[in-house]
Amino acid sequence: MQEDSAILVIEDDEASAYYLEEILSELEIPVITATTASEAIEIVNKNKIKLIFMDIRLPDMDGYELTTILRNKGVTIPIIAQTAFVLPDDRDKAISSGCDEYLPKPLRKEILWETIHKFLSTPIPL
């Protein structure tokens, strides 16, 4: 199904995906969720996506590898890496794999809004 400029949340943890979906629902932008890298690639190929939230730990490949694959396919959509496994070099690894931004979990709502606004120029809900 073709969505009209959706945000893609790639997240295998149900609670984390639900949290993001709840926050993003305030933007009134459609949200599509993928739980695996292969599902995410299919969604990107079939839908108009304006922003991607990329979990780094996925069951079939990590988010770094998936980001590299998307970039090699010519995907220029902003990708925001997000992970609960925060090591000192994770931010650099995310950016070097092609992510545009890196957010550690737990995601803080105000930082999430600022990041979304940075890439979409969307008004921040009050």
Protein backbone atom coordinates (compact mmCIF):
# COMPACT_ATOMS: atom_id res chain seq x y z
CA MET A 1 0.00 0.00 0.00
CA GLN A 2 1.41 3.40 -0.99
CA GLU A 3 1.53 5.84 1.92
CA ASP A 4 1.71 9.59 1.38
CA SER A 5 5.08 10.72 2.73
CA ALA A 6 5.32 8.50 5.78
CA ILE A 7 7.89 8.16 8.53
CA LEU A 8 9.43 4.69 8.70
CA VAL A 9 10.23 3.27 12.14
CA ILE A 10 12.55 0.27 11.90
CA GLU A 11 12.36 -1.27 15.35
CA ASP A 12 12.13 -4.90 16.49
CA ASP A 13 11.26 -4.08 20.10
CA GLU A 14 7.49 -3.74 20.37
CA ALA A 15 7.57 -1.32 23.33
CA SER A 16 10.09 0.98 21.63
CA ALA A 17 8.11 0.95 18.38
CA TYR A 18 4.90 1.77 20.24
CA TYR A 19 6.60 4.65 22.10
CA LEU A 20 7.85 6.16 18.84
CA GLU A 21 4.51 5.68 17.12
CA GLU A 22 2.71 7.43 19.98
CA ILE A 23 5.02 10.44 19.85
CA LEU A 24 4.98 10.61 16.05
CA SER A 25 1.18 10.43 15.94
CA GLU A 26 1.15 14.02 17.22
CA LEU A 27 2.67 15.10 13.88
CA GLU A 28 -0.26 13.79 11.86
CA ILE A 29 2.18 12.13 9.45
CA PRO A 30 1.57 8.46 8.60
CA VAL A 31 3.94 6.05 10.37
CA ILE A 32 4.95 2.66 8.98
CA THR A 33 6.76 0.17 11.19
CA ALA A 34 9.21 -2.54 10.11
CA THR A 35 10.65 -5.13 12.47
CA THR A 36 13.40 -6.49 10.19
CA ALA A 37 15.87 -5.09 7.69
CA SER A 38 14.36 -7.06 4.80
CA GLU A 39 10.89 -5.72 5.63
CA ALA A 40 12.31 -2.18 5.80
CA ILE A 41 13.92 -2.46 2.35
CA GLU A 42 10.61 -3.63 0.89
CA ILE A 43 8.76 -0.71 2.52
CA VAL A 44 11.29 1.85 1.24
CA ASN A 45 10.97 0.40 -2.26
CA LYS A 46 7.15 0.58 -2.24
CA ASN A 47 6.35 3.76 -0.28
CA LYS A 48 7.18 7.44 -0.22
CA ILE A 49 9.20 7.81 2.98
CA LYS A 50 10.35 11.19 4.29
CA LEU A 51 12.29 10.11 7.41
CA ILE A 52 13.63 6.84 8.84
CA PHE A 53 14.21 5.94 12.48
CA MET A 54 16.74 3.10 12.38
CA ASP A 55 17.22 0.78 15.34
CA ILE A 56 20.78 -0.49 15.32
CA ARG A 57 20.06 -3.98 16.72
CA LEU A 58 17.77 -5.85 14.32
CA PRO A 59 17.24 -9.61 14.06
CA ASP A 60 18.41 -10.14 10.46
CA MET A 61 21.21 -7.53 10.15
CA ASP A 62 22.34 -4.54 12.12
CA GLY A 63 21.18 -1.01 11.36
CA TYR A 64 24.66 0.04 10.23
CA GLU A 65 24.63 -2.56 7.46
CA LEU A 66 21.05 -1.74 6.50
CA THR A 67 21.87 1.96 6.29
CA THR A 68 24.86 1.22 4.04
CA ILE A 69 22.66 -0.94 1.78
CA LEU A 70 20.03 1.82 1.52
CA ARG A 71 22.65 4.46 0.75
CA ASN A 72 24.27 2.22 -1.90
CA LYS A 73 20.83 1.88 -3.53
CA GLY A 74 20.70 5.68 -3.81
CA VAL A 75 18.29 6.29 -0.91
CA THR A 76 18.77 9.87 0.30
CA ILE A 77 16.03 9.89 2.96
CA PRO A 78 17.31 11.22 6.31
CA ILE A 79 18.12 8.30 8.61
CA ILE A 80 18.20 8.74 12.38
CA ALA A 81 20.00 5.92 14.19
CA GLN A 82 18.66 4.97 17.60
CA THR A 83 19.95 2.36 20.01
CA ALA A 84 19.96 1.37 23.67
CA PHE A 85 23.43 -0.15 23.29
CA VAL A 86 25.44 3.02 23.66
CA LEU A 87 29.19 2.64 23.33
CA PRO A 88 31.66 5.50 22.87
CA ASP A 89 32.16 4.90 19.13
CA ASP A 90 28.50 4.12 18.23
CA ARG A 91 27.73 7.67 17.10
CA ASP A 92 30.74 7.76 14.76
CA LYS A 93 29.92 4.28 13.44
CA ALA A 94 26.31 5.34 12.72
CA ILE A 95 27.35 8.52 10.92
CA SER A 96 30.07 6.73 8.90
CA SER A 97 27.56 4.07 7.80
CA GLY A 98 25.36 6.82 6.34
CA CYS A 99 23.04 7.86 9.15
CA ASP A 100 22.32 11.58 9.37
CA GLU A 101 21.85 11.65 13.13
CA TYR A 102 22.26 9.43 16.18
CA LEU A 103 19.99 9.31 19.23
CA PRO A 104 20.65 7.13 22.29
CA LYS A 105 17.74 5.35 23.97
CA PRO A 106 15.75 6.02 25.96
CA LEU A 107 14.61 8.66 23.49
CA ARG A 108 13.74 11.95 25.12
CA LYS A 109 10.66 13.50 23.58
CA GLU A 110 12.10 17.03 23.35
CA ILE A 111 15.28 15.79 21.62
CA LEU A 112 13.15 13.70 19.27
CA TRP A 113 11.06 16.76 18.31
CA GLU A 114 14.18 18.87 17.72
CA THR A 115 15.66 16.16 15.50
CA ILE A 116 12.48 15.72 13.49
CA HIS A 117 12.20 19.49 13.05
CA LYS A 118 15.83 19.62 11.87
CA PHE A 119 15.11 17.23 8.99
CA LEU A 120 11.49 17.95 8.15
CA SER A 121 10.99 21.58 9.25
CA THR A 122 7.82 20.29 10.90
CA PRO A 123 6.36 22.46 13.66
CA ILE A 124 7.05 20.99 17.08
CA PRO A 125 3.79 20.04 18.85
CA LEU A 126 3.16 21.87 22.10
